[in-house]
Amino acid sequence: MQANELPIWVIYDKPSDIPDWFVARKWFLDRPTSELRLGRTLDEVRAKLPAGLYRLPRDPSDDAKIVESWI
């Protein structure tokens, strides 16, 4: 990670590649990373995110599988 890159965690509701889980994927702006957090429920995957993040609600233009993002 470069100093000017802001990590963004995007939570998905049962994405096609991991259909039985809620998945939090770490991104750097428009670049996905290989870092994931899995949970059977939304609350479970939220609990696995780093502390101190701020929740952003889903934007209507987001993919339908996206629940929310955290920065």
C-alpha atoms as a PDB file:
ATOM      1  CA  MET A   1       0.000   0.000   0.000  1.00  0.00           C
ATOM      2  CA  GLN A   2       1.261   3.447  -0.877  1.00  0.00           C
ATOM      3  CA  ALA A   3       0.829   6.311   1.569  1.00  0.00           C
ATOM      4  CA  ASN A   4      -1.827   8.003  -0.585  1.00  0.00           C
ATOM      5  CA  GLU A   5      -4.005   4.890  -1.028  1.00  0.00           C
ATOM      6  CA  LEU A   6      -7.179   4.591   0.999  1.00  0.00           C
ATOM      7  CA  PRO A   7      -8.354   1.035   1.718  1.00  0.00           C
ATOM      8  CA  ILE A   8     -12.064   0.460   1.128  1.00  0.00           C
ATOM      9  CA  TRP A   9     -13.865  -2.663   2.362  1.00  0.00           C
ATOM     10  CA  VAL A  10     -16.859  -3.621   0.203  1.00  0.00           C
ATOM     11  CA  ILE A  11     -19.367  -6.103   1.643  1.00  0.00           C
ATOM     12  CA  TYR A  12     -21.179  -8.394  -0.793  1.00  0.00           C
ATOM     13  CA  ASP A  13     -24.255 -10.538  -0.147  1.00  0.00           C
ATOM     14  CA  LYS A  14     -23.424 -14.018  -1.432  1.00  0.00           C
ATOM     15  CA  PRO A  15     -21.355 -13.125  -4.522  1.00  0.00           C
ATOM     16  CA  SER A  16     -21.281 -15.630  -7.368  1.00  0.00           C
ATOM     17  CA  ASP A  17     -17.704 -16.781  -6.573  1.00  0.00           C
ATOM     18  CA  ILE A  18     -18.502 -17.421  -2.854  1.00  0.00           C
ATOM     19  CA  PRO A  19     -22.292 -17.958  -2.872  1.00  0.00           C
ATOM     20  CA  ASP A  20     -22.849 -19.199   0.698  1.00  0.00           C
ATOM     21  CA  TRP A  21     -21.238 -16.265   2.518  1.00  0.00           C
ATOM     22  CA  PHE A  22     -21.271 -12.547   3.066  1.00  0.00           C
ATOM     23  CA  VAL A  23     -17.889 -11.396   1.786  1.00  0.00           C
ATOM     24  CA  ALA A  24     -15.893  -8.267   2.611  1.00  0.00           C
ATOM     25  CA  ARG A  25     -13.287  -7.534  -0.044  1.00  0.00           C
ATOM     26  CA  LYS A  26     -10.514  -5.012   0.441  1.00  0.00           C
ATOM     27  CA  TRP A  27      -9.984  -2.531  -2.389  1.00  0.00           C
ATOM     28  CA  PHE A  28      -7.592   0.342  -3.029  1.00  0.00           C
ATOM     29  CA  LEU A  29      -9.781   2.754  -5.003  1.00  0.00           C
ATOM     30  CA  ASP A  30     -10.460   0.767  -8.208  1.00  0.00           C
ATOM     31  CA  ARG A  31      -7.986  -2.064  -7.487  1.00  0.00           C
ATOM     32  CA  PRO A  32      -9.202  -5.167  -5.666  1.00  0.00           C
ATOM     33  CA  THR A  33      -6.783  -6.958  -3.369  1.00  0.00           C
ATOM     34  CA  SER A  34      -6.734 -10.639  -2.435  1.00  0.00           C
ATOM     35  CA  GLU A  35      -7.742  -9.823   1.160  1.00  0.00           C
ATOM     36  CA  LEU A  36     -11.175 -11.159   2.190  1.00  0.00           C
ATOM     37  CA  ARG A  37     -13.297 -11.564   5.311  1.00  0.00           C
ATOM     38  CA  LEU A  38     -16.160 -14.110   5.332  1.00  0.00           C
ATOM     39  CA  GLY A  39     -19.226 -14.375   7.520  1.00  0.00           C
ATOM     40  CA  ARG A  40     -22.463 -16.348   7.501  1.00  0.00           C
ATOM     41  CA  THR A  41     -24.342 -13.170   8.461  1.00  0.00           C
ATOM     42  CA  LEU A  42     -23.863  -9.496   7.737  1.00  0.00           C
ATOM     43  CA  ASP A  43     -23.132  -8.813  11.411  1.00  0.00           C
ATOM     44  CA  GLU A  44     -20.523 -11.578  11.466  1.00  0.00           C
ATOM     45  CA  VAL A  45     -18.595 -10.185   8.514  1.00  0.00           C
ATOM     46  CA  ARG A  46     -18.878  -6.624   9.870  1.00  0.00           C
ATOM     47  CA  ALA A  47     -17.313  -7.802  13.139  1.00  0.00           C
ATOM     48  CA  LYS A  48     -14.262  -9.008  11.198  1.00  0.00           C
ATOM     49  CA  LEU A  49     -13.492  -5.608   9.661  1.00  0.00           C
ATOM     50  CA  PRO A  50     -10.718  -3.459  11.116  1.00  0.00           C
ATOM     51  CA  ALA A  51     -11.789  -1.111  13.917  1.00  0.00           C
ATOM     52  CA  GLY A  52     -12.383   2.577  13.291  1.00  0.00           C
ATOM     53  CA  LEU A  53     -13.988   2.392   9.851  1.00  0.00           C
ATOM     54  CA  TYR A  54     -16.912   4.527   8.632  1.00  0.00           C
ATOM     55  CA  ARG A  55     -19.900   2.897   6.887  1.00  0.00           C
ATOM     56  CA  LEU A  56     -21.067   4.084   3.472  1.00  0.00           C
ATOM     57  CA  PRO A  57     -24.511   2.846   2.375  1.00  0.00           C
ATOM     58  CA  ARG A  58     -24.983   1.120  -0.948  1.00  0.00           C
ATOM     59  CA  ASP A  59     -25.295   3.502  -3.879  1.00  0.00           C
ATOM     60  CA  PRO A  60     -28.166   2.728  -6.303  1.00  0.00           C
ATOM     61  CA  SER A  61     -25.607   2.450  -9.131  1.00  0.00           C
ATOM     62  CA  ASP A  62     -23.616  -0.264  -7.274  1.00  0.00           C
ATOM     63  CA  ASP A  63     -23.746  -3.905  -8.292  1.00  0.00           C
ATOM     64  CA  ALA A  64     -26.842  -5.568  -6.787  1.00  0.00           C
ATOM     65  CA  LYS A  65     -24.670  -7.873  -4.639  1.00  0.00           C
ATOM     66  CA  ILE A  66     -23.031  -4.946  -2.808  1.00  0.00           C
ATOM     67  CA  VAL A  67     -24.519  -4.302   0.635  1.00  0.00           C
ATOM     68  CA  GLU A  68     -22.310  -1.434   1.829  1.00  0.00           C
ATOM     69  CA  SER A  69     -18.741  -0.143   1.905  1.00  0.00           C
ATOM     70  CA  TRP A  70     -16.450   0.867   4.782  1.00  0.00           C
ATOM     71  CA  ILE A  71     -13.607   3.397   4.710  1.00  0.00           C
END
